[in-house]
Amino acid sequence: MKKLVFVAVFVMGFSVMAIAQDLPAYEIFTGYSFLRVAPAGSSGDLQGWNLAIAFNKSKNAALVANFSGNYGKVQDPLYLTNGKPTIRNAKAHSVLFGPKITIPQGRYSPFVQALFGVYHINYGGMRSRDTENDFGLDAGFGLDIEVTKMINVRPIQAEYVAIRSQGRLQSDYRASAGVVFKIGKKY
């Protein structure tokens, strides 16, 4: 009986190690990003890129560093041209960090994350140039689908974006899609 228990514990120990070897040490997401902004009575749709590096701590938990850039035009009713809102160029860059929780389900890995950091926003125009560095929060969810052991596809990552701009809370939304590259092995 002791030999059977020893063999069972030995086999289970190797099984746990084999599972741990399937966990990548890092995951790099890169893709398209759409940001809907609504600052101070104006609104606009910005398009750009999103890059995230996830440092996996376990199969369910990771720390994420997220970088993004979105660009486009914003309609600003505070500045009028011929009685119409002025169209201003806008750039929004973010540097965010936070936890990510994943619940793997075979090939599918749904996740939630909450990221905190800084948004650098620049509203350029013909008459003025406004630049801000504001506290930002992104809270959202997404889905990764395994294509190979080294590559996942992320068809959706949807986030509520809260930016503290000029002393008030600005509520925006961001959606991203792209590819996840799995690098290294977590032992």
N, C-alpha and C. Protein backbone atom coordinates (compact mmCIF):
# COMPACT_ATOMS: atom_id res chain seq x y z
N MET A 1 0.83 -1.20 0.00
CA MET A 1 0.00 0.00 0.00
C MET A 1 0.87 1.26 0.00
N LYS A 2 1.98 1.24 0.78
CA LYS A 2 2.86 2.40 0.84
C LYS A 2 3.47 2.69 -0.53
N LYS A 3 3.82 1.61 -1.28
CA LYS A 3 4.39 1.79 -2.61
C LYS A 3 3.38 2.43 -3.55
N LEU A 4 2.13 2.04 -3.45
CA LEU A 4 1.07 2.61 -4.30
C LEU A 4 0.88 4.10 -4.01
N VAL A 5 0.86 4.46 -2.73
CA VAL A 5 0.73 5.88 -2.34
C VAL A 5 1.94 6.66 -2.84
N PHE A 6 3.15 6.11 -2.67
CA PHE A 6 4.35 6.77 -3.13
C PHE A 6 4.31 7.01 -4.64
N VAL A 7 3.92 5.99 -5.40
CA VAL A 7 3.82 6.11 -6.86
C VAL A 7 2.78 7.15 -7.24
N ALA A 8 1.64 7.15 -6.57
CA ALA A 8 0.58 8.12 -6.88
C ALA A 8 1.06 9.54 -6.62
N VAL A 9 1.72 9.78 -5.47
CA VAL A 9 2.24 11.11 -5.15
C VAL A 9 3.31 11.51 -6.17
N PHE A 10 4.18 10.57 -6.53
CA PHE A 10 5.24 10.82 -7.50
C PHE A 10 4.66 11.23 -8.85
N VAL A 11 3.67 10.48 -9.34
CA VAL A 11 3.03 10.76 -10.64
C VAL A 11 2.29 12.11 -10.58
N MET A 12 1.59 12.37 -9.49
CA MET A 12 0.87 13.65 -9.36
C MET A 12 1.85 14.82 -9.34
N GLY A 13 3.00 14.63 -8.69
CA GLY A 13 4.01 15.68 -8.67
C GLY A 13 4.51 16.02 -10.06
N PHE A 14 4.76 15.01 -10.88
CA PHE A 14 5.19 15.26 -12.25
C PHE A 14 4.06 15.85 -13.09
N SER A 15 2.82 15.48 -12.81
CA SER A 15 1.68 16.05 -13.54
C SER A 15 1.57 17.54 -13.28
N VAL A 16 1.74 17.95 -12.01
CA VAL A 16 1.69 19.37 -11.67
C VAL A 16 2.83 20.11 -12.35
N MET A 17 4.02 19.52 -12.39
CA MET A 17 5.14 20.17 -13.07
C MET A 17 4.87 20.29 -14.57
N ALA A 18 4.26 19.29 -15.17
CA ALA A 18 3.95 19.34 -16.60
C ALA A 18 2.94 20.44 -16.90
N ILE A 19 1.95 20.60 -16.02
CA ILE A 19 0.97 21.68 -16.21
C ILE A 19 1.65 23.03 -16.10
N ALA A 20 2.54 23.18 -15.10
CA ALA A 20 3.24 24.45 -14.90
C ALA A 20 4.10 24.79 -16.11
N GLN A 21 4.63 23.79 -16.82
CA GLN A 21 5.47 24.06 -17.96
C GLN A 21 4.67 24.59 -19.15
N ASP A 22 3.37 24.35 -19.18
CA ASP A 22 2.54 24.88 -20.26
C ASP A 22 2.22 26.36 -20.07
N LEU A 23 2.48 26.90 -18.90
CA LEU A 23 2.19 28.31 -18.62
C LEU A 23 3.33 29.18 -19.14
N PRO A 24 3.04 30.09 -20.08
CA PRO A 24 4.11 30.97 -20.55
C PRO A 24 4.49 31.98 -19.47
N ALA A 25 5.75 32.35 -19.42
CA ALA A 25 6.22 33.34 -18.45
C ALA A 25 5.64 34.72 -18.77
N TYR A 26 5.53 35.05 -20.07
CA TYR A 26 5.04 36.35 -20.51
C TYR A 26 4.06 36.17 -21.66
N GLU A 27 3.16 37.11 -21.78
CA GLU A 27 2.27 37.17 -22.93
C GLU A 27 2.31 38.61 -23.44
N ILE A 28 2.55 38.76 -24.74
CA ILE A 28 2.60 40.09 -25.34
C ILE A 28 1.42 40.23 -26.29
N PHE A 29 0.55 41.19 -25.99
CA PHE A 29 -0.61 41.48 -26.83
C PHE A 29 -0.32 42.72 -27.65
N THR A 30 -0.62 42.65 -28.93
CA THR A 30 -0.50 43.82 -29.78
C THR A 30 -1.70 43.83 -30.73
N GLY A 31 -2.25 45.02 -30.93
CA GLY A 31 -3.42 45.08 -31.80
C GLY A 31 -3.99 46.46 -31.98
N TYR A 32 -5.15 46.48 -32.61
CA TYR A 32 -5.91 47.68 -32.94
C TYR A 32 -6.69 48.14 -31.70
N SER A 33 -6.84 49.45 -31.56
CA SER A 33 -7.58 50.01 -30.44
C SER A 33 -8.52 51.12 -30.93
N PHE A 34 -9.75 51.10 -30.44
CA PHE A 34 -10.75 52.13 -30.73
C PHE A 34 -11.13 52.77 -29.40
N LEU A 35 -10.97 54.10 -29.29
CA LEU A 35 -11.27 54.82 -28.06
C LEU A 35 -12.33 55.87 -28.34
N ARG A 36 -13.44 55.80 -27.61
CA ARG A 36 -14.52 56.79 -27.70
C ARG A 36 -14.32 57.76 -26.55
N VAL A 37 -13.99 59.01 -26.86
CA VAL A 37 -13.75 60.02 -25.83
C VAL A 37 -14.86 61.06 -25.81
N ALA A 38 -15.10 61.60 -24.63
CA ALA A 38 -16.13 62.64 -24.47
C ALA A 38 -15.64 63.68 -23.46
N PRO A 39 -14.62 64.47 -23.81
CA PRO A 39 -14.12 65.47 -22.86
C PRO A 39 -14.94 66.76 -22.89
N ALA A 40 -15.27 67.28 -21.73
CA ALA A 40 -15.85 68.62 -21.54
C ALA A 40 -16.83 69.05 -22.63
N GLY A 41 -17.88 68.28 -22.85
CA GLY A 41 -18.92 68.68 -23.79
C GLY A 41 -18.63 68.34 -25.23
N SER A 42 -17.48 67.77 -25.53
CA SER A 42 -17.17 67.38 -26.90
C SER A 42 -17.17 65.86 -26.99
N SER A 43 -16.93 65.36 -28.18
CA SER A 43 -16.86 63.91 -28.35
C SER A 43 -16.04 63.59 -29.59
N GLY A 44 -15.54 62.36 -29.61
CA GLY A 44 -14.78 61.94 -30.78
C GLY A 44 -14.42 60.47 -30.72
N ASP A 45 -14.12 59.93 -31.88
CA ASP A 45 -13.70 58.54 -32.01
C ASP A 45 -12.23 58.53 -32.41
N LEU A 46 -11.40 57.92 -31.58
CA LEU A 46 -9.97 57.86 -31.84
C LEU A 46 -9.58 56.42 -32.13
N GLN A 47 -8.70 56.24 -33.11
CA GLN A 47 -8.25 54.91 -33.49
C GLN A 47 -6.74 54.84 -33.30
N GLY A 48 -6.24 53.64 -32.99
CA GLY A 48 -4.81 53.52 -32.79
C GLY A 48 -4.37 52.11 -32.46
N TRP A 49 -3.44 52.01 -31.52
CA TRP A 49 -2.79 50.75 -31.19
C TRP A 49 -2.85 50.49 -29.69
N ASN A 50 -2.66 49.22 -29.34
CA ASN A 50 -2.64 48.81 -27.94
C ASN A 50 -1.55 47.74 -27.80
N LEU A 51 -0.71 47.87 -26.80
CA LEU A 51 0.36 46.92 -26.52
C LEU A 51 0.33 46.60 -25.04
N ALA A 52 0.28 45.32 -24.69
CA ALA A 52 0.27 44.92 -23.28
C ALA A 52 1.23 43.76 -23.07
N ILE A 53 1.90 43.79 -21.93
CA ILE A 53 2.78 42.70 -21.53
C ILE A 53 2.24 42.16 -20.22
N ALA A 54 1.88 40.88 -20.22
CA ALA A 54 1.37 40.22 -19.01
C ALA A 54 2.47 39.34 -18.43
N PHE A 55 2.77 39.55 -17.16
CA PHE A 55 3.75 38.74 -16.43
C PHE A 55 2.95 37.72 -15.62
N ASN A 56 2.89 36.49 -16.11
CA ASN A 56 2.06 35.46 -15.48
C ASN A 56 2.63 35.03 -14.14
N LYS A 57 1.79 35.07 -13.11
CA LYS A 57 2.17 34.60 -11.78
C LYS A 57 1.65 33.18 -11.55
N SER A 58 0.52 32.86 -12.16
CA SER A 58 -0.06 31.51 -12.13
C SER A 58 -0.94 31.39 -13.37
N LYS A 59 -1.63 30.26 -13.52
CA LYS A 59 -2.49 30.11 -14.70
C LYS A 59 -3.70 31.04 -14.65
N ASN A 60 -4.00 31.59 -13.45
CA ASN A 60 -5.17 32.47 -13.30
C ASN A 60 -4.82 33.93 -13.05
N ALA A 61 -3.61 34.23 -12.62
CA ALA A 61 -3.27 35.60 -12.22
C ALA A 61 -2.04 36.11 -12.96
N ALA A 62 -2.09 37.39 -13.34
CA ALA A 62 -0.97 38.03 -14.02
C ALA A 62 -0.93 39.51 -13.66
N LEU A 63 0.24 40.10 -13.79
CA LEU A 63 0.39 41.54 -13.68
C LEU A 63 0.58 42.07 -15.09
N VAL A 64 -0.13 43.15 -15.43
CA VAL A 64 -0.15 43.66 -16.80
C VAL A 64 0.43 45.07 -16.85
N ALA A 65 1.27 45.32 -17.85
CA ALA A 65 1.73 46.66 -18.20
C ALA A 65 1.14 46.96 -19.57
N ASN A 66 0.31 48.00 -19.67
CA ASN A 66 -0.43 48.30 -20.91
C ASN A 66 -0.03 49.67 -21.43
N PHE A 67 0.24 49.75 -22.73
CA PHE A 67 0.61 51.00 -23.39
C PHE A 67 -0.30 51.16 -24.60
N SER A 68 -0.82 52.37 -24.83
CA SER A 68 -1.69 52.56 -25.99
C SER A 68 -1.53 53.97 -26.55
N GLY A 69 -1.91 54.11 -27.81
CA GLY A 69 -1.95 55.41 -28.48
C GLY A 69 -3.15 55.45 -29.40
N ASN A 70 -3.95 56.50 -29.26
CA ASN A 70 -5.14 56.66 -30.10
C ASN A 70 -5.15 58.06 -30.68
N TYR A 71 -5.59 58.18 -31.95
CA TYR A 71 -5.50 59.44 -32.68
C TYR A 71 -6.77 59.66 -33.48
N GLY A 72 -7.15 60.93 -33.63
CA GLY A 72 -8.34 61.23 -34.42
C GLY A 72 -8.74 62.69 -34.25
N LYS A 73 -10.01 62.95 -34.49
CA LYS A 73 -10.54 64.30 -34.41
C LYS A 73 -11.66 64.34 -33.38
N VAL A 74 -11.75 65.47 -32.68
CA VAL A 74 -12.76 65.66 -31.64
C VAL A 74 -13.55 66.92 -31.98
N GLN A 75 -14.88 66.82 -31.87
CA GLN A 75 -15.75 67.98 -32.07
C GLN A 75 -15.83 68.74 -30.76
N ASP A 76 -15.41 70.00 -30.76
CA ASP A 76 -15.33 70.77 -29.52
C ASP A 76 -16.29 71.97 -29.57
N PRO A 77 -17.43 71.91 -28.85
CA PRO A 77 -18.40 73.01 -28.87
C PRO A 77 -17.92 74.24 -28.10
N LEU A 78 -16.84 74.14 -27.33
CA LEU A 78 -16.33 75.30 -26.60
C LEU A 78 -15.60 76.27 -27.51
N TYR A 79 -15.15 75.79 -28.66
CA TYR A 79 -14.50 76.63 -29.65
C TYR A 79 -15.34 76.59 -30.92
N LEU A 80 -15.92 77.73 -31.28
CA LEU A 80 -16.81 77.78 -32.45
C LEU A 80 -16.10 78.40 -33.64
N THR A 81 -16.37 77.86 -34.83
CA THR A 81 -15.90 78.40 -36.09
C THR A 81 -17.12 78.57 -36.97
N ASN A 82 -17.45 79.81 -37.32
CA ASN A 82 -18.66 80.11 -38.11
C ASN A 82 -19.92 79.54 -37.45
N GLY A 83 -19.97 79.63 -36.12
CA GLY A 83 -21.14 79.16 -35.39
C GLY A 83 -21.22 77.65 -35.21
N LYS A 84 -20.23 76.92 -35.68
CA LYS A 84 -20.22 75.46 -35.56
C LYS A 84 -19.07 75.03 -34.66
N PRO A 85 -19.23 73.88 -34.00
CA PRO A 85 -18.13 73.38 -33.16
C PRO A 85 -16.87 73.15 -33.99
N THR A 86 -15.73 73.54 -33.42
CA THR A 86 -14.45 73.36 -34.08
C THR A 86 -14.02 71.90 -34.02
N ILE A 87 -13.47 71.44 -35.12
CA ILE A 87 -12.91 70.09 -35.16
C ILE A 87 -11.44 70.20 -34.78
N ARG A 88 -11.05 69.48 -33.72
CA ARG A 88 -9.67 69.55 -33.23
C ARG A 88 -9.02 68.17 -33.34
N ASN A 89 -7.74 68.17 -33.64
CA ASN A 89 -6.97 66.92 -33.62
C ASN A 89 -6.78 66.49 -32.17
N ALA A 90 -6.84 65.19 -31.94
CA ALA A 90 -6.66 64.67 -30.58
C ALA A 90 -5.71 63.48 -30.60
N LYS A 91 -4.89 63.41 -29.55
CA LYS A 91 -4.00 62.27 -29.33
C LYS A 91 -4.15 61.86 -27.88
N ALA A 92 -4.27 60.57 -27.64
CA ALA A 92 -4.35 60.05 -26.27
C ALA A 92 -3.38 58.88 -26.14
N HIS A 93 -2.44 59.00 -25.22
CA HIS A 93 -1.50 57.92 -24.93
C HIS A 93 -1.68 57.51 -23.48
N SER A 94 -1.54 56.21 -23.21
CA SER A 94 -1.69 55.76 -21.83
C SER A 94 -0.57 54.80 -21.45
N VAL A 95 -0.25 54.83 -20.15
CA VAL A 95 0.67 53.89 -19.53
C VAL A 95 -0.04 53.41 -18.27
N LEU A 96 -0.44 52.13 -18.26
CA LEU A 96 -1.28 51.59 -17.20
C LEU A 96 -0.72 50.27 -16.68
N PHE A 97 -0.97 50.00 -15.39
CA PHE A 97 -0.50 48.77 -14.75
C PHE A 97 -1.60 48.22 -13.87
N GLY A 98 -1.65 46.88 -13.72
CA GLY A 98 -2.62 46.30 -12.82
C GLY A 98 -2.77 44.81 -12.96
N PRO A 99 -3.68 44.24 -12.17
CA PRO A 99 -3.88 42.79 -12.18
C PRO A 99 -4.84 42.33 -13.27
N LYS A 100 -4.63 41.07 -13.67
CA LYS A 100 -5.50 40.42 -14.66
C LYS A 100 -5.82 39.03 -14.13
N ILE A 101 -7.10 38.67 -14.15
CA ILE A 101 -7.55 37.35 -13.72
C ILE A 101 -8.09 36.61 -14.94
N THR A 102 -7.55 35.42 -15.19
CA THR A 102 -7.95 34.60 -16.33
C THR A 102 -8.56 33.30 -15.83
N ILE A 103 -9.60 32.83 -16.52
CA ILE A 103 -10.22 31.55 -16.19
C ILE A 103 -10.15 30.67 -17.45
N PRO A 104 -9.04 29.92 -17.63
CA PRO A 104 -8.89 29.09 -18.83
C PRO A 104 -9.97 28.02 -18.95
N GLN A 105 -10.53 27.89 -20.15
CA GLN A 105 -11.56 26.90 -20.45
C GLN A 105 -11.17 26.17 -21.74
N GLY A 106 -10.14 25.33 -21.67
CA GLY A 106 -9.65 24.67 -22.88
C GLY A 106 -8.93 25.68 -23.77
N ARG A 107 -9.38 25.81 -25.02
CA ARG A 107 -8.78 26.77 -25.97
C ARG A 107 -9.16 28.21 -25.64
N TYR A 108 -10.22 28.41 -24.88
CA TYR A 108 -10.74 29.75 -24.60
C TYR A 108 -10.29 30.21 -23.22
N SER A 109 -9.87 31.48 -23.14
CA SER A 109 -9.43 32.05 -21.87
C SER A 109 -10.07 33.42 -21.66
N PRO A 110 -11.26 33.46 -21.06
CA PRO A 110 -11.85 34.76 -20.73
C PRO A 110 -11.08 35.39 -19.57
N PHE A 111 -11.04 36.72 -19.54
CA PHE A 111 -10.31 37.40 -18.48
C PHE A 111 -10.98 38.72 -18.11
N VAL A 112 -10.64 39.19 -16.91
CA VAL A 112 -11.01 40.53 -16.45
C VAL A 112 -9.73 41.19 -15.96
N GLN A 113 -9.70 42.52 -16.05
CA GLN A 113 -8.53 43.24 -15.58
C GLN A 113 -8.92 44.64 -15.13
N ALA A 114 -8.11 45.19 -14.23
CA ALA A 114 -8.28 46.57 -13.76
C ALA A 114 -6.90 47.21 -13.79
N LEU A 115 -6.75 48.23 -14.62
CA LEU A 115 -5.45 48.86 -14.83
C LEU A 115 -5.51 50.33 -14.38
N PHE A 116 -4.42 50.79 -13.76
CA PHE A 116 -4.35 52.16 -13.26
C PHE A 116 -3.08 52.80 -13.78
N GLY A 117 -3.13 54.11 -14.04
CA GLY A 117 -1.93 54.79 -14.51
C GLY A 117 -2.20 56.19 -15.01
N VAL A 118 -1.51 56.56 -16.09
CA VAL A 118 -1.54 57.93 -16.60
C VAL A 118 -2.01 57.95 -18.05
N TYR A 119 -2.87 58.91 -18.36
CA TYR A 119 -3.26 59.23 -19.73
C TYR A 119 -2.65 60.58 -20.08
N HIS A 120 -1.94 60.64 -21.19
CA HIS A 120 -1.41 61.90 -21.73
C HIS A 120 -2.31 62.27 -22.91
N ILE A 121 -3.03 63.36 -22.78
CA ILE A 121 -4.00 63.75 -23.81
C ILE A 121 -3.60 65.10 -24.38
N ASN A 122 -3.64 65.20 -25.70
CA ASN A 122 -3.31 66.44 -26.40
C ASN A 122 -4.44 66.76 -27.35
N TYR A 123 -5.07 67.93 -27.14
CA TYR A 123 -6.09 68.42 -28.06
C TYR A 123 -5.49 69.60 -28.81
N GLY A 124 -5.16 69.39 -30.06
CA GLY A 124 -4.57 70.45 -30.86
C GLY A 124 -5.62 71.07 -31.75
N GLY A 125 -5.41 72.28 -32.13
CA GLY A 125 -6.36 72.96 -33.00
C GLY A 125 -5.72 74.18 -33.62
N MET A 126 -6.53 74.96 -34.32
CA MET A 126 -6.00 76.14 -34.98
C MET A 126 -5.67 77.24 -33.97
N ARG A 127 -6.47 77.39 -32.91
CA ARG A 127 -6.28 78.51 -31.98
C ARG A 127 -5.58 78.13 -30.68
N SER A 128 -5.68 76.90 -30.27
CA SER A 128 -5.11 76.55 -28.96
C SER A 128 -4.51 75.16 -28.98
N ARG A 129 -3.77 74.89 -27.96
CA ARG A 129 -3.16 73.57 -27.82
C ARG A 129 -3.28 73.20 -26.34
N ASP A 130 -4.09 72.23 -26.04
CA ASP A 130 -4.29 71.77 -24.68
C ASP A 130 -3.60 70.42 -24.51
N THR A 131 -2.80 70.33 -23.46
CA THR A 131 -2.14 69.07 -23.13
C THR A 131 -2.37 68.78 -21.66
N GLU A 132 -2.71 67.53 -21.36
CA GLU A 132 -2.97 67.12 -19.99
C GLU A 132 -2.27 65.80 -19.70
N ASN A 133 -1.86 65.61 -18.46
CA ASN A 133 -1.42 64.32 -17.94
C ASN A 133 -2.38 64.01 -16.80
N ASP A 134 -3.21 63.00 -16.97
CA ASP A 134 -4.28 62.73 -16.02
C ASP A 134 -4.23 61.30 -15.52
N PHE A 135 -4.77 61.11 -14.29
CA PHE A 135 -4.93 59.77 -13.74
C PHE A 135 -5.97 59.03 -14.57
N GLY A 136 -5.71 57.76 -14.87
CA GLY A 136 -6.65 56.96 -15.64
C GLY A 136 -6.88 55.59 -15.04
N LEU A 137 -8.06 55.06 -15.27
CA LEU A 137 -8.44 53.73 -14.84
C LEU A 137 -9.12 53.03 -16.00
N ASP A 138 -8.67 51.82 -16.33
CA ASP A 138 -9.33 50.97 -17.33
C ASP A 138 -9.80 49.71 -16.62
N ALA A 139 -11.07 49.41 -16.70
CA ALA A 139 -11.61 48.19 -16.12
C ALA A 139 -12.41 47.49 -17.19
N GLY A 140 -12.10 46.22 -17.44
CA GLY A 140 -12.81 45.55 -18.52
C GLY A 140 -12.59 44.06 -18.56
N PHE A 141 -12.97 43.49 -19.70
CA PHE A 141 -12.91 42.05 -19.90
C PHE A 141 -12.47 41.76 -21.32
N GLY A 142 -12.14 40.50 -21.57
CA GLY A 142 -11.74 40.09 -22.91
C GLY A 142 -11.74 38.59 -23.04
N LEU A 143 -11.35 38.13 -24.22
CA LEU A 143 -11.32 36.71 -24.51
C LEU A 143 -10.12 36.41 -25.40
N ASP A 144 -9.32 35.41 -25.00
CA ASP A 144 -8.23 34.91 -25.82
C ASP A 144 -8.60 33.53 -26.33
N ILE A 145 -8.31 33.27 -27.60
CA ILE A 145 -8.57 31.96 -28.20
C ILE A 145 -7.24 31.41 -28.69
N GLU A 146 -6.89 30.21 -28.22
CA GLU A 146 -5.61 29.60 -28.58
C GLU A 146 -5.62 29.13 -30.03
N VAL A 147 -4.62 29.58 -30.80
CA VAL A 147 -4.45 29.15 -32.19
C VAL A 147 -3.36 28.09 -32.23
N THR A 148 -2.23 28.38 -31.58
CA THR A 148 -1.14 27.41 -31.41
C THR A 148 -0.66 27.54 -29.96
N LYS A 149 0.31 26.74 -29.58
CA LYS A 149 0.87 26.83 -28.22
C LYS A 149 1.57 28.17 -27.99
N MET A 150 1.94 28.86 -29.06
CA MET A 150 2.68 30.11 -28.95
C MET A 150 1.85 31.35 -29.28
N ILE A 151 0.66 31.17 -29.88
CA ILE A 151 -0.13 32.32 -30.35
C ILE A 151 -1.60 32.17 -29.97
N ASN A 152 -2.15 33.26 -29.45
CA ASN A 152 -3.59 33.38 -29.21
C ASN A 152 -4.13 34.52 -30.05
N VAL A 153 -5.41 34.46 -30.36
CA VAL A 153 -6.11 35.58 -30.99
C VAL A 153 -7.00 36.19 -29.93
N ARG A 154 -7.01 37.51 -29.83
CA ARG A 154 -7.90 38.22 -28.91
C ARG A 154 -8.93 38.98 -29.75
N PRO A 155 -10.13 38.38 -29.97
CA PRO A 155 -11.13 39.03 -30.80
C PRO A 155 -11.78 40.25 -30.13
N ILE A 156 -11.76 40.28 -28.79
CA ILE A 156 -12.36 41.42 -28.10
C ILE A 156 -11.68 41.65 -26.76
N GLN A 157 -11.45 42.91 -26.49
CA GLN A 157 -11.06 43.40 -25.17
C GLN A 157 -11.82 44.70 -25.01
N ALA A 158 -12.81 44.73 -24.15
CA ALA A 158 -13.67 45.90 -23.96
C ALA A 158 -13.43 46.48 -22.57
N GLU A 159 -13.29 47.81 -22.52
CA GLU A 159 -12.95 48.45 -21.26
C GLU A 159 -13.71 49.75 -21.05
N TYR A 160 -14.08 49.98 -19.82
CA TYR A 160 -14.57 51.29 -19.39
C TYR A 160 -13.33 52.08 -19.00
N VAL A 161 -13.21 53.29 -19.50
CA VAL A 161 -12.04 54.13 -19.23
C VAL A 161 -12.50 55.36 -18.45
N ALA A 162 -11.95 55.54 -17.27
CA ALA A 162 -12.25 56.72 -16.45
C ALA A 162 -10.98 57.57 -16.38
N ILE A 163 -11.09 58.83 -16.78
CA ILE A 163 -9.96 59.74 -16.76
C ILE A 163 -10.34 60.95 -15.92
N ARG A 164 -9.49 61.29 -14.95
CA ARG A 164 -9.74 62.48 -14.14
C ARG A 164 -9.14 63.66 -14.89
N SER A 165 -9.97 64.39 -15.61
CA SER A 165 -9.53 65.48 -16.48
C SER A 165 -10.07 66.81 -15.96
N GLN A 166 -9.18 67.75 -15.74
CA GLN A 166 -9.52 69.11 -15.29
C GLN A 166 -10.43 69.08 -14.06
N GLY A 167 -10.10 68.21 -13.11
CA GLY A 167 -10.82 68.14 -11.85
C GLY A 167 -12.14 67.38 -11.88
N ARG A 168 -12.49 66.82 -13.02
CA ARG A 168 -13.74 66.05 -13.06
C ARG A 168 -13.50 64.72 -13.77
N LEU A 169 -14.42 63.78 -13.51
CA LEU A 169 -14.30 62.44 -14.08
C LEU A 169 -14.87 62.39 -15.49
N GLN A 170 -14.08 61.92 -16.41
CA GLN A 170 -14.49 61.78 -17.81
C GLN A 170 -14.65 60.29 -18.08
N SER A 171 -15.83 59.87 -18.55
CA SER A 171 -16.11 58.46 -18.83
C SER A 171 -15.98 58.18 -20.33
N ASP A 172 -15.09 57.28 -20.67
CA ASP A 172 -14.85 56.90 -22.06
C ASP A 172 -14.92 55.39 -22.19
N TYR A 173 -14.80 54.89 -23.42
CA TYR A 173 -14.85 53.46 -23.68
C TYR A 173 -13.77 53.10 -24.69
N ARG A 174 -13.17 51.90 -24.50
CA ARG A 174 -12.14 51.45 -25.42
C ARG A 174 -12.38 49.99 -25.78
N ALA A 175 -12.20 49.66 -27.05
CA ALA A 175 -12.28 48.27 -27.53
C ALA A 175 -11.00 47.97 -28.31
N SER A 176 -10.47 46.79 -28.09
CA SER A 176 -9.24 46.38 -28.77
C SER A 176 -9.38 44.96 -29.30
N ALA A 177 -8.58 44.64 -30.30
CA ALA A 177 -8.53 43.28 -30.86
C ALA A 177 -7.14 43.08 -31.44
N GLY A 178 -6.63 41.85 -31.37
CA GLY A 178 -5.30 41.61 -31.92
C GLY A 178 -4.80 40.20 -31.65
N VAL A 179 -3.48 40.10 -31.50
CA VAL A 179 -2.79 38.83 -31.37
C VAL A 179 -1.98 38.82 -30.07
N VAL A 180 -1.95 37.65 -29.41
CA VAL A 180 -1.17 37.47 -28.19
C VAL A 180 -0.05 36.46 -28.48
N PHE A 181 1.19 36.86 -28.18
CA PHE A 181 2.33 35.98 -28.34
C PHE A 181 2.77 35.49 -26.97
N LYS A 182 2.88 34.18 -26.82
CA LYS A 182 3.27 33.58 -25.54
C LYS A 182 4.76 33.28 -25.59
N ILE A 183 5.49 33.80 -24.59
CA ILE A 183 6.95 33.72 -24.60
C ILE A 183 7.44 33.09 -23.30
N GLY A 184 8.40 32.20 -23.44
CA GLY A 184 9.03 31.59 -22.27
C GLY A 184 8.14 30.57 -21.59
N LYS A 185 8.66 29.96 -20.55
CA LYS A 185 7.93 28.98 -19.77
C LYS A 185 8.02 29.33 -18.30
N LYS A 186 6.92 29.24 -17.61
CA LYS A 186 6.88 29.46 -16.17
C LYS A 186 7.03 28.11 -15.49
N TYR A 187 8.11 27.89 -14.74
CA TYR A 187 8.36 26.60 -14.11
C TYR A 187 7.93 26.60 -12.66
